[in-house]
C-alpha atoms as a PDB file:
ATOM      1  CA  UNK A   1     -68.211 123.730  15.575  1.00  0.00           C
ATOM      2  CA  UNK A   2     -68.871 121.665  18.863  1.00  0.00           C
ATOM      3  CA  UNK A   3     -72.022 120.112  17.553  1.00  0.00           C
ATOM      4  CA  UNK A   4     -70.138 119.091  14.477  1.00  0.00           C
ATOM      5  CA  UNK A   5     -67.302 117.227  16.361  1.00  0.00           C
ATOM      6  CA  UNK A   6     -69.953 115.619  18.615  1.00  0.00           C
ATOM      7  CA  UNK A   7     -72.135 114.369  15.796  1.00  0.00           C
ATOM      8  CA  UNK A   8     -68.755 112.978  14.212  1.00  0.00           C
ATOM      9  CA  UNK A   9     -67.657 111.317  17.294  1.00  0.00           C
ATOM     10  CA  UNK A  10     -71.232 109.808  17.827  1.00  0.00           C
ATOM     11  CA  UNK A  11     -71.170 108.709  14.335  1.00  0.00           C
ATOM     12  CA  UNK A  12     -67.901 106.760  14.808  1.00  0.00           C
ATOM     13  CA  UNK A  13     -68.831 105.530  17.978  1.00  0.00           C
ATOM     14  CA  UNK A  14     -72.196 104.348  16.552  1.00  0.00           C
ATOM     15  CA  UNK A  15     -70.310 102.416  14.040  1.00  0.00           C
ATOM     16  CA  UNK A  16     -67.689 100.706  16.388  1.00  0.00           C
ATOM     17  CA  UNK A  17     -70.684  99.747  18.294  1.00  0.00           C
ATOM     18  CA  UNK A  18     -72.399  98.283  15.190  1.00  0.00           C
ATOM     19  CA  UNK A  19     -69.235  96.635  14.233  1.00  0.00           C
ATOM     20  CA  UNK A  20     -69.070  94.998  17.856  1.00  0.00           C
ATOM     21  CA  UNK A  21     -72.585  93.650  17.651  1.00  0.00           C
ATOM     22  CA  UNK A  22     -72.043  92.229  14.196  1.00  0.00           C
ATOM     23  CA  UNK A  23     -68.778  90.376  15.255  1.00  0.00           C
ATOM     24  CA  UNK A  24     -70.517  89.327  18.477  1.00  0.00           C
ATOM     25  CA  UNK A  25     -73.511  88.021  17.064  1.00  0.00           C
ATOM     26  CA  UNK A  26     -72.805  86.859  13.668  1.00  0.00           C
ATOM     27  CA  UNK A  27     -68.986  86.178  13.174  1.00  0.00           C
ATOM     28  CA  UNK A  28     -69.053  82.275  13.109  1.00  0.00           C
ATOM     29  CA  UNK A  29     -71.943  82.578  10.747  1.00  0.00           C
ATOM     30  CA  UNK A  30     -69.942  84.408   8.364  1.00  0.00           C
ATOM     31  CA  UNK A  31     -66.767  82.461   8.714  1.00  0.00           C
ATOM     32  CA  UNK A  32     -68.403  78.913   8.642  1.00  0.00           C
ATOM     33  CA  UNK A  33     -71.266  77.720   6.641  1.00  0.00           C
ATOM     34  CA  UNK A  34     -71.783  74.215   6.916  1.00  0.00           C
ATOM     35  CA  UNK A  35     -75.231  74.183   5.264  1.00  0.00           C
ATOM     36  CA  UNK A  36     -75.519  76.257   2.165  1.00  0.00           C
ATOM     37  CA  UNK A  37     -79.053  78.051   1.529  1.00  0.00           C
ATOM     38  CA  UNK A  38     -81.938  75.755   0.257  1.00  0.00           C
ATOM     39  CA  UNK A  39     -79.775  72.488   1.244  1.00  0.00           C
ATOM     40  CA  UNK A  40     -79.129  69.995   4.226  1.00  0.00           C
ATOM     41  CA  UNK A  41     -76.375  69.412   6.364  1.00  0.00           C
ATOM     42  CA  UNK A  42     -76.086  65.707   4.860  1.00  0.00           C
ATOM     43  CA  UNK A  43     -74.029  64.788   1.684  1.00  0.00           C
ATOM     44  CA  UNK A  44     -75.763  65.040  -1.339  1.00  0.00           C
ATOM     45  CA  UNK A  45     -73.938  62.362  -2.879  1.00  0.00           C
ATOM     46  CA  UNK A  46     -70.820  59.935  -1.652  1.00  0.00           C
ATOM     47  CA  UNK A  47     -67.853  59.018  -4.132  1.00  0.00           C
ATOM     48  CA  UNK A  48     -69.598  55.978  -4.980  1.00  0.00           C
ATOM     49  CA  UNK A  49     -71.777  58.031  -7.440  1.00  0.00           C
ATOM     50  CA  UNK A  50     -68.507  59.098  -9.279  1.00  0.00           C
ATOM     51  CA  UNK A  51     -67.271  55.486  -9.132  1.00  0.00           C
ATOM     52  CA  UNK A  52     -64.468  56.249  -6.671  1.00  0.00           C
ATOM     53  CA  UNK A  53     -63.558  53.379  -4.322  1.00  0.00           C
ATOM     54  CA  UNK A  54     -63.574  54.986  -0.743  1.00  0.00           C
ATOM     55  CA  UNK A  55     -63.664  54.035   2.649  1.00  0.00           C
ATOM     56  CA  UNK A  56     -65.669  55.826   5.426  1.00  0.00           C
ATOM     57  CA  UNK A  57     -63.259  57.017   8.358  1.00  0.00           C
ATOM     58  CA  UNK A  58     -64.500  57.774  11.778  1.00  0.00           C
ATOM     59  CA  UNK A  59     -61.989  59.622  13.884  1.00  0.00           C
ATOM     60  CA  UNK A  60     -61.935  61.447  17.532  1.00  0.00           C
ATOM     61  CA  UNK A  61     -60.522  64.779  17.643  1.00  0.00           C
ATOM     62  CA  UNK A  62     -58.027  65.505  20.697  1.00  0.00           C
ATOM     63  CA  UNK A  63     -60.870  67.249  22.579  1.00  0.00           C
ATOM     64  CA  UNK A  64     -63.412  64.245  21.953  1.00  0.00           C
ATOM     65  CA  UNK A  65     -65.205  65.319  19.056  1.00  0.00           C
ATOM     66  CA  UNK A  66     -66.332  62.701  16.504  1.00  0.00           C
ATOM     67  CA  UNK A  67     -65.271  63.433  12.938  1.00  0.00           C
ATOM     68  CA  UNK A  68     -66.141  61.603   9.712  1.00  0.00           C
ATOM     69  CA  UNK A  69     -63.800  61.820   6.412  1.00  0.00           C
ATOM     70  CA  UNK A  70     -63.542  59.906   3.132  1.00  0.00           C
ATOM     71  CA  UNK A  71     -60.579  58.123   1.886  1.00  0.00           C
ATOM     72  CA  UNK A  72     -60.584  57.694  -1.663  1.00  0.00           C
ATOM     73  CA  UNK A  73     -57.450  55.226  -2.572  1.00  0.00           C
ATOM     74  CA  UNK A  74     -56.057  55.103  -6.151  1.00  0.00           C
ATOM     75  CA  UNK A  75     -55.255  51.593  -6.619  1.00  0.00           C
ATOM     76  CA  UNK A  76     -54.976  49.065  -3.414  1.00  0.00           C
ATOM     77  CA  UNK A  77     -51.695  47.871  -4.089  1.00  0.00           C
ATOM     78  CA  UNK A  78     -49.952  51.080  -5.118  1.00  0.00           C
ATOM     79  CA  UNK A  79     -48.517  53.797  -2.758  1.00  0.00           C
ATOM     80  CA  UNK A  80     -48.570  57.100  -5.069  1.00  0.00           C
ATOM     81  CA  UNK A  81     -48.853  60.548  -3.068  1.00  0.00           C
ATOM     82  CA  UNK A  82     -51.692  61.033  -0.501  1.00  0.00           C
ATOM     83  CA  UNK A  83     -53.391  64.601  -0.630  1.00  0.00           C
ATOM     84  CA  UNK A  84     -54.803  65.588   2.564  1.00  0.00           C
ATOM     85  CA  UNK A  85     -57.667  67.785   1.455  1.00  0.00           C
ATOM     86  CA  UNK A  86     -58.951  70.803   3.298  1.00  0.00           C
ATOM     87  CA  UNK A  87     -62.147  72.505   1.718  1.00  0.00           C
ATOM     88  CA  UNK A  88     -63.585  76.091   1.865  1.00  0.00           C
ATOM     89  CA  UNK A  89     -65.821  77.587   4.331  1.00  0.00           C
ATOM     90  CA  UNK A  90     -69.410  76.841   2.917  1.00  0.00           C
ATOM     91  CA  UNK A  91     -70.806  73.488   2.023  1.00  0.00           C
ATOM     92  CA  UNK A  92     -69.388  70.057   2.744  1.00  0.00           C
ATOM     93  CA  UNK A  93     -66.941  67.549   1.151  1.00  0.00           C
ATOM     94  CA  UNK A  94     -69.346  66.082  -1.154  1.00  0.00           C
ATOM     95  CA  UNK A  95     -69.521  69.373  -3.169  1.00  0.00           C
ATOM     96  CA  UNK A  96     -65.896  68.955  -4.042  1.00  0.00           C
ATOM     97  CA  UNK A  97     -66.054  65.300  -5.380  1.00  0.00           C
ATOM     98  CA  UNK A  98     -65.915  66.305  -8.826  1.00  0.00           C
ATOM     99  CA  UNK A  99     -62.950  68.265  -8.394  1.00  0.00           C
ATOM    100  CA  UNK A 100     -61.276  65.439  -6.511  1.00  0.00           C
ATOM    101  CA  UNK A 101     -62.303  62.929  -9.184  1.00  0.00           C
ATOM    102  CA  UNK A 102     -60.230  64.879 -11.675  1.00  0.00           C
ATOM    103  CA  UNK A 103     -57.362  65.373  -9.096  1.00  0.00           C
ATOM    104  CA  UNK A 104     -57.050  61.604  -8.367  1.00  0.00           C
ATOM    105  CA  UNK A 105     -56.944  60.792 -12.287  1.00  0.00           C
ATOM    106  CA  UNK A 106     -54.679  63.716 -13.307  1.00  0.00           C
ATOM    107  CA  UNK A 107     -52.109  63.495 -10.079  1.00  0.00           C
ATOM    108  CA  UNK A 108     -52.468  59.698  -9.513  1.00  0.00           C
ATOM    109  CA  UNK A 109     -52.845  60.238  -5.994  1.00  0.00           C
ATOM    110  CA  UNK A 110     -54.864  59.143  -2.825  1.00  0.00           C
ATOM    111  CA  UNK A 111     -56.999  61.767  -1.297  1.00  0.00           C
ATOM    112  CA  UNK A 112     -58.365  62.108   2.129  1.00  0.00           C
ATOM    113  CA  UNK A 113     -61.219  64.398   2.562  1.00  0.00           C
ATOM    114  CA  UNK A 114     -62.040  65.505   6.298  1.00  0.00           C
ATOM    115  CA  UNK A 115     -65.295  66.946   7.364  1.00  0.00           C
ATOM    116  CA  UNK A 116     -64.528  69.801   9.889  1.00  0.00           C
ATOM    117  CA  UNK A 117     -66.602  69.423  13.085  1.00  0.00           C
ATOM    118  CA  UNK A 118     -69.999  70.735  12.403  1.00  0.00           C
ATOM    119  CA  UNK A 119     -69.873  69.867   8.655  1.00  0.00           C
ATOM    120  CA  UNK A 120     -71.371  66.984   6.775  1.00  0.00           C
ATOM    121  CA  UNK A 121     -71.554  63.936   9.138  1.00  0.00           C
ATOM    122  CA  UNK A 122     -69.179  65.364  11.836  1.00  0.00           C
ATOM    123  CA  UNK A 123     -70.465  66.480  15.209  1.00  0.00           C
ATOM    124  CA  UNK A 124     -69.575  69.676  17.023  1.00  0.00           C
ATOM    125  CA  UNK A 125     -69.433  73.234  15.961  1.00  0.00           C
ATOM    126  CA  UNK A 126     -66.819  75.022  13.936  1.00  0.00           C
ATOM    127  CA  UNK A 127     -64.113  77.349  15.583  1.00  0.00           C
ATOM    128  CA  UNK A 128     -60.459  77.981  14.666  1.00  0.00           C
ATOM    129  CA  UNK A 129     -59.262  76.037  17.869  1.00  0.00           C
ATOM    130  CA  UNK A 130     -61.626  72.952  17.106  1.00  0.00           C
ATOM    131  CA  UNK A 131     -60.987  72.702  13.260  1.00  0.00           C
ATOM    132  CA  UNK A 132     -57.226  72.879  14.004  1.00  0.00           C
ATOM    133  CA  UNK A 133     -57.599  69.837  16.428  1.00  0.00           C
ATOM    134  CA  UNK A 134     -59.325  68.235  13.650  1.00  0.00           C
ATOM    135  CA  UNK A 135     -56.765  68.668  11.240  1.00  0.00           C
ATOM    136  CA  UNK A 136     -54.542  67.047  13.365  1.00  0.00           C
ATOM    137  CA  UNK A 137     -56.323  64.252  13.815  1.00  0.00           C
ATOM    138  CA  UNK A 138     -56.664  63.697  10.055  1.00  0.00           C
ATOM    139  CA  UNK A 139     -52.990  63.883   9.708  1.00  0.00           C
ATOM    140  CA  UNK A 140     -52.240  61.612  12.750  1.00  0.00           C
ATOM    141  CA  UNK A 141     -54.634  59.011  11.191  1.00  0.00           C
ATOM    142  CA  UNK A 142     -52.785  58.982   7.870  1.00  0.00           C
ATOM    143  CA  UNK A 143     -49.578  58.815   9.406  1.00  0.00           C
ATOM    144  CA  UNK A 144     -50.449  55.812  11.255  1.00  0.00           C
ATOM    145  CA  UNK A 145     -51.768  53.892   8.168  1.00  0.00           C
ATOM    146  CA  UNK A 146     -49.913  51.138   6.629  1.00  0.00           C
ATOM    147  CA  UNK A 147     -51.413  51.108   3.106  1.00  0.00           C
ATOM    148  CA  UNK A 148     -49.929  54.414   2.068  1.00  0.00           C
ATOM    149  CA  UNK A 149     -46.632  56.021   1.726  1.00  0.00           C
ATOM    150  CA  UNK A 150     -46.187  57.945   4.696  1.00  0.00           C
ATOM    151  CA  UNK A 151     -43.606  60.151   3.603  1.00  0.00           C
ATOM    152  CA  UNK A 152     -45.562  61.474   0.665  1.00  0.00           C
ATOM    153  CA  UNK A 153     -48.311  63.363   2.321  1.00  0.00           C
ATOM    154  CA  UNK A 154     -49.474  66.542   0.545  1.00  0.00           C
ATOM    155  CA  UNK A 155     -51.540  69.183   2.217  1.00  0.00           C
ATOM    156  CA  UNK A 156     -53.955  71.048   0.098  1.00  0.00           C
ATOM    157  CA  UNK A 157     -56.280  74.037   1.055  1.00  0.00           C
ATOM    158  CA  UNK A 158     -58.613  76.343  -0.708  1.00  0.00           C
ATOM    159  CA  UNK A 159     -59.536  79.501   1.008  1.00  0.00           C
ATOM    160  CA  UNK A 160     -60.366  78.495   4.731  1.00  0.00           C
ATOM    161  CA  UNK A 161     -58.913  75.295   4.059  1.00  0.00           C
ATOM    162  CA  UNK A 162     -55.698  77.152   3.108  1.00  0.00           C
ATOM    163  CA  UNK A 163     -55.474  78.414   6.221  1.00  0.00           C
ATOM    164  CA  UNK A 164     -55.952  75.080   8.068  1.00  0.00           C
ATOM    165  CA  UNK A 165     -53.389  73.528   5.988  1.00  0.00           C
ATOM    166  CA  UNK A 166     -50.937  76.024   6.363  1.00  0.00           C
ATOM    167  CA  UNK A 167     -51.154  75.751  10.119  1.00  0.00           C
ATOM    168  CA  UNK A 168     -50.991  72.017  10.336  1.00  0.00           C
ATOM    169  CA  UNK A 169     -48.021  72.174   7.984  1.00  0.00           C
ATOM    170  CA  UNK A 170     -46.355  74.466  10.003  1.00  0.00           C
ATOM    171  CA  UNK A 171     -46.794  72.284  13.118  1.00  0.00           C
ATOM    172  CA  UNK A 172     -45.803  68.906  11.149  1.00  0.00           C
ATOM    173  CA  UNK A 173     -42.650  69.437   9.518  1.00  0.00           C
ATOM    174  CA  UNK A 174     -41.851  65.624  10.086  1.00  0.00           C
ATOM    175  CA  UNK A 175     -45.145  64.544   8.698  1.00  0.00           C
ATOM    176  CA  UNK A 176     -46.228  66.819   5.902  1.00  0.00           C
ATOM    177  CA  UNK A 177     -44.327  66.758   2.675  1.00  0.00           C
ATOM    178  CA  UNK A 178     -45.261  69.847   0.759  1.00  0.00           C
ATOM    179  CA  UNK A 179     -48.222  72.151   0.901  1.00  0.00           C
ATOM    180  CA  UNK A 180     -50.400  73.553  -1.677  1.00  0.00           C
ATOM    181  CA  UNK A 181     -52.467  76.749  -1.029  1.00  0.00           C
ATOM    182  CA  UNK A 182     -55.276  77.980  -3.554  1.00  0.00           C
ATOM    183  CA  UNK A 183     -56.946  81.186  -3.283  1.00  0.00           C
ATOM    184  CA  UNK A 184     -56.452  81.667   0.241  1.00  0.00           C
ATOM    185  CA  UNK A 185     -56.488  84.709   2.476  1.00  0.00           C
ATOM    186  CA  UNK A 186     -53.718  86.554   4.665  1.00  0.00           C
ATOM    187  CA  UNK A 187     -56.151  86.465   7.552  1.00  0.00           C
ATOM    188  CA  UNK A 188     -59.832  86.413   8.532  1.00  0.00           C
ATOM    189  CA  UNK A 189     -58.964  89.888  10.189  1.00  0.00           C
ATOM    190  CA  UNK A 190     -58.123  91.370   6.673  1.00  0.00           C
ATOM    191  CA  UNK A 191     -61.182  89.748   5.148  1.00  0.00           C
ATOM    192  CA  UNK A 192     -63.229  91.446   7.639  1.00  0.00           C
ATOM    193  CA  UNK A 193     -62.678  94.719   5.715  1.00  0.00           C
ATOM    194  CA  UNK A 194     -63.341  93.058   2.510  1.00  0.00           C
ATOM    195  CA  UNK A 195     -66.531  91.683   3.418  1.00  0.00           C
ATOM    196  CA  UNK A 196     -67.702  94.336   5.492  1.00  0.00           C
ATOM    197  CA  UNK A 197     -65.618  97.581   4.302  1.00  0.00           C
ATOM    198  CA  UNK A 198     -66.681  99.968   7.073  1.00  0.00           C
ATOM    199  CA  UNK A 199     -64.817  97.596   9.578  1.00  0.00           C
ATOM    200  CA  UNK A 200     -61.542  98.073   7.606  1.00  0.00           C
ATOM    201  CA  UNK A 201     -60.718 100.790   9.913  1.00  0.00           C
ATOM    202  CA  UNK A 202     -61.296  98.807  13.189  1.00  0.00           C
ATOM    203  CA  UNK A 203     -60.176  95.275  12.322  1.00  0.00           C
ATOM    204  CA  UNK A 204     -57.177  94.397  10.569  1.00  0.00           C
ATOM    205  CA  UNK A 205     -53.693  92.015  10.358  1.00  0.00           C
ATOM    206  CA  UNK A 206     -50.279  92.579  10.717  1.00  0.00           C
ATOM    207  CA  UNK A 207     -50.120  94.939   7.626  1.00  0.00           C
ATOM    208  CA  UNK A 208     -53.053  97.066   8.289  1.00  0.00           C
ATOM    209  CA  UNK A 209     -52.928 100.779   8.983  1.00  0.00           C
ATOM    210  CA  UNK A 210     -56.053 101.130  11.144  1.00  0.00           C
ATOM    211  CA  UNK A 211     -56.098 101.149  14.927  1.00  0.00           C
ATOM    212  CA  UNK A 212     -57.538  97.411  15.072  1.00  0.00           C
ATOM    213  CA  UNK A 213     -59.767  98.223  17.894  1.00  0.00           C
ATOM    214  CA  UNK A 214     -61.897  95.330  17.414  1.00  0.00           C
ATOM    215  CA  UNK A 215     -59.454  92.700  16.595  1.00  0.00           C
ATOM    216  CA  UNK A 216     -59.803  91.401  20.198  1.00  0.00           C
ATOM    217  CA  UNK A 217     -63.454  90.434  19.181  1.00  0.00           C
ATOM    218  CA  UNK A 218     -62.365  88.197  16.343  1.00  0.00           C
ATOM    219  CA  UNK A 219     -62.627  84.377  17.654  1.00  0.00           C
ATOM    220  CA  UNK A 220     -61.351  82.921  14.444  1.00  0.00           C
ATOM    221  CA  UNK A 221     -58.581  85.271  13.185  1.00  0.00           C
ATOM    222  CA  UNK A 222     -56.824  82.403  10.840  1.00  0.00           C
ATOM    223  CA  UNK A 223     -53.687  84.524  10.311  1.00  0.00           C
ATOM    224  CA  UNK A 224     -52.235  82.626   7.452  1.00  0.00           C
ATOM    225  CA  UNK A 225     -49.523  85.584   6.849  1.00  0.00           C
ATOM    226  CA  UNK A 226     -48.296  84.926  10.505  1.00  0.00           C
ATOM    227  CA  UNK A 227     -47.974  81.135   9.812  1.00  0.00           C
ATOM    228  CA  UNK A 228     -46.621  80.737   6.146  1.00  0.00           C
ATOM    229  CA  UNK A 229     -43.362  82.545   7.014  1.00  0.00           C
ATOM    230  CA  UNK A 230     -42.610  79.876   9.709  1.00  0.00           C
ATOM    231  CA  UNK A 231     -43.080  76.656   7.074  1.00  0.00           C
ATOM    232  CA  UNK A 232     -40.078  75.093   5.585  1.00  0.00           C
ATOM    233  CA  UNK A 233     -41.336  72.326   3.423  1.00  0.00           C
ATOM    234  CA  UNK A 234     -42.284  73.298  -0.454  1.00  0.00           C
ATOM    235  CA  UNK A 235     -45.259  75.517  -1.186  1.00  0.00           C
ATOM    236  CA  UNK A 236     -46.995  75.441  -4.122  1.00  0.00           C
ATOM    237  CA  UNK A 237     -49.287  78.806  -4.587  1.00  0.00           C
ATOM    238  CA  UNK A 238     -52.410  78.502  -6.921  1.00  0.00           C
ATOM    239  CA  UNK A 239     -53.883  82.004  -7.760  1.00  0.00           C
ATOM    240  CA  UNK A 240     -56.856  82.871  -9.508  1.00  0.00           C
ATOM    241  CA  UNK A 241     -56.962  86.473 -10.817  1.00  0.00           C
ATOM    242  CA  UNK A 242     -60.615  86.907 -10.974  1.00  0.00           C
ATOM    243  CA  UNK A 243     -61.377  85.863  -7.435  1.00  0.00           C
ATOM    244  CA  UNK A 244     -64.446  87.510  -6.434  1.00  0.00           C
ATOM    245  CA  UNK A 245     -64.107  86.330  -2.596  1.00  0.00           C
ATOM    246  CA  UNK A 246     -60.376  86.776  -1.666  1.00  0.00           C
ATOM    247  CA  UNK A 247     -58.511  89.607  -3.573  1.00  0.00           C
ATOM    248  CA  UNK A 248     -55.395  87.975  -5.255  1.00  0.00           C
ATOM    249  CA  UNK A 249     -53.320  90.421  -3.568  1.00  0.00           C
ATOM    250  CA  UNK A 250     -53.738  88.167  -0.607  1.00  0.00           C
ATOM    251  CA  UNK A 251     -51.846  85.334  -2.151  1.00  0.00           C
ATOM    252  CA  UNK A 252     -49.452  87.642  -3.224  1.00  0.00           C
ATOM    253  CA  UNK A 253     -48.839  88.661   0.004  1.00  0.00           C
ATOM    254  CA  UNK A 254     -48.767  85.189   1.231  1.00  0.00           C
ATOM    255  CA  UNK A 255     -45.970  84.221  -1.318  1.00  0.00           C
ATOM    256  CA  UNK A 256     -43.784  87.255  -0.383  1.00  0.00           C
ATOM    257  CA  UNK A 257     -43.938  86.392   3.002  1.00  0.00           C
ATOM    258  CA  UNK A 258     -42.393  83.110   2.720  1.00  0.00           C
ATOM    259  CA  UNK A 259     -40.374  83.282  -0.497  1.00  0.00           C
ATOM    260  CA  UNK A 260     -37.688  85.484   1.073  1.00  0.00           C
ATOM    261  CA  UNK A 261     -36.644  82.232   3.059  1.00  0.00           C
ATOM    262  CA  UNK A 262     -37.891  79.193   1.591  1.00  0.00           C
ATOM    263  CA  UNK A 263     -36.628  78.715  -1.867  1.00  0.00           C
ATOM    264  CA  UNK A 264     -38.917  75.754  -2.487  1.00  0.00           C
ATOM    265  CA  UNK A 265     -41.935  78.056  -3.385  1.00  0.00           C
ATOM    266  CA  UNK A 266     -43.678  78.515  -6.610  1.00  0.00           C
ATOM    267  CA  UNK A 267     -46.340  80.983  -7.413  1.00  0.00           C
ATOM    268  CA  UNK A 268     -48.595  80.136 -10.463  1.00  0.00           C
ATOM    269  CA  UNK A 269     -51.305  82.654 -11.379  1.00  0.00           C
ATOM    270  CA  UNK A 270     -54.450  81.661 -13.489  1.00  0.00           C
ATOM    271  CA  UNK A 271     -55.897  84.767 -15.402  1.00  0.00           C
ATOM    272  CA  UNK A 272     -59.406  83.423 -15.706  1.00  0.00           C
ATOM    273  CA  UNK A 273     -59.552  81.443 -12.309  1.00  0.00           C
ATOM    274  CA  UNK A 274     -62.520  82.675  -9.957  1.00  0.00           C
ATOM    275  CA  UNK A 275     -62.818  82.011  -6.192  1.00  0.00           C
ATOM    276  CA  UNK A 276     -63.916  78.057  -6.558  1.00  0.00           C
ATOM    277  CA  UNK A 277     -63.299  77.139 -10.382  1.00  0.00           C
ATOM    278  CA  UNK A 278     -59.493  77.830 -10.762  1.00  0.00           C
ATOM    279  CA  UNK A 279     -59.046  74.283 -11.203  1.00  0.00           C
ATOM    280  CA  UNK A 280     -61.557  74.367 -13.937  1.00  0.00           C
ATOM    281  CA  UNK A 281     -60.479  77.476 -15.632  1.00  0.00           C
ATOM    282  CA  UNK A 282     -56.898  76.696 -15.254  1.00  0.00           C
ATOM    283  CA  UNK A 283     -57.792  73.443 -17.177  1.00  0.00           C
ATOM    284  CA  UNK A 284     -54.465  71.426 -18.143  1.00  0.00           C
ATOM    285  CA  UNK A 285     -52.008  74.145 -17.048  1.00  0.00           C
ATOM    286  CA  UNK A 286     -53.331  73.791 -13.607  1.00  0.00           C
ATOM    287  CA  UNK A 287     -53.169  70.228 -13.448  1.00  0.00           C
ATOM    288  CA  UNK A 288     -49.627  70.085 -15.113  1.00  0.00           C
ATOM    289  CA  UNK A 289     -48.196  72.726 -12.651  1.00  0.00           C
ATOM    290  CA  UNK A 290     -49.389  70.732  -9.921  1.00  0.00           C
ATOM    291  CA  UNK A 291     -48.238  67.318 -10.819  1.00  0.00           C
ATOM    292  CA  UNK A 292     -45.214  68.726 -11.764  1.00  0.00           C
ATOM    293  CA  UNK A 293     -44.874  70.368  -8.340  1.00  0.00           C
ATOM    294  CA  UNK A 294     -45.758  67.001  -6.646  1.00  0.00           C
ATOM    295  CA  UNK A 295     -43.131  65.147  -8.774  1.00  0.00           C
ATOM    296  CA  UNK A 296     -40.297  67.159  -8.152  1.00  0.00           C
ATOM    297  CA  UNK A 297     -40.715  67.604  -4.338  1.00  0.00           C
ATOM    298  CA  UNK A 298     -42.467  64.763  -3.255  1.00  0.00           C
ATOM    299  CA  UNK A 299     -40.548  61.962  -5.447  1.00  0.00           C
ATOM    300  CA  UNK A 300     -42.233  58.623  -5.935  1.00  0.00           C
ATOM    301  CA  UNK A 301     -40.078  55.949  -4.145  1.00  0.00           C
ATOM    302  CA  UNK A 302     -38.382  53.836  -6.950  1.00  0.00           C
ATOM    303  CA  UNK A 303     -39.468  50.405  -5.520  1.00  0.00           C
ATOM    304  CA  UNK A 304     -42.996  51.414  -6.269  1.00  0.00           C
ATOM    305  CA  UNK A 305     -42.480  52.722  -9.664  1.00  0.00           C
ATOM    306  CA  UNK A 306     -43.671  49.746 -11.387  1.00  0.00           C
ATOM    307  CA  UNK A 307     -47.125  50.592 -10.225  1.00  0.00           C
ATOM    308  CA  UNK A 308     -47.229  53.534 -12.445  1.00  0.00           C
ATOM    309  CA  UNK A 309     -47.982  51.997 -15.614  1.00  0.00           C
ATOM    310  CA  UNK A 310     -51.272  50.824 -14.601  1.00  0.00           C
ATOM    311  CA  UNK A 311     -52.574  53.935 -12.735  1.00  0.00           C
ATOM    312  CA  UNK A 312     -53.907  55.750 -15.701  1.00  0.00           C
ATOM    313  CA  UNK A 313     -56.683  53.193 -16.518  1.00  0.00           C
ATOM    314  CA  UNK A 314     -58.236  53.745 -12.868  1.00  0.00           C
ATOM    315  CA  UNK A 315     -60.866  56.044 -13.509  1.00  0.00           C
ATOM    316  CA  UNK A 316     -62.386  57.295 -16.805  1.00  0.00           C
ATOM    317  CA  UNK A 317     -62.766  61.125 -17.246  1.00  0.00           C
END
């Protein structure tokens, strides 16, 4: 009996040690993947390839890291809403250009695409602390522009980008008009148990039943579930029910966390949507839902409405 208990304890100890080693050595490589396998860090295309007029923007984060972004404007003389776009954890902003092209066409908006530190043409190395500073630098830049309506800045984030966007929105109630979250996780602590099931007993977020003894090792917890409850701006939740990366239950938990106090939240499910293609699988319903949300919660200023009639011819599909 004693030997059995000893073996069990050794086994549990071995799992803990293995989990600690994995977390210490590889966690940044699991959370942040600036370069997709077989590709380079550079942008494979620019917005010009899709005939999108754009501006290269160079920023400095608060800690001095040089950042790159693309600002794609709908029509120079018109001031529609501006979407501050935060991507997922893998690849770079160029890989999202086809989706952004449709976004501009369907939502009649400007789009600001930030490359996190360590991604694309931006310098540095990714971390939660650093990327939060990068997002703030992007928002500060937009807030100081004179060629957009700064009262109509909408933050959009998918997956990791949703965690980035939620934190930024919470910290800037006077600068962000609304937030759109798509297929976003409750926290990296909870995702650790999804990606590495044997860790779920040792790592977890606020709703976890395990002992959480390895939580202190996680350098980028991105606890969105603890952030959304502090957001008072309108939030649109877009959930793909076939998400193969982030369990759809994470989006449901995020919505439940905020809906009790924020009456300007909308939750929409897309039965065929996977992690990366919900915008595509959702088709017209996806874009109409998003358009209506923006029109209702980030309304157009009357003096600029005369521009609207000409916007539909800006880009061809």
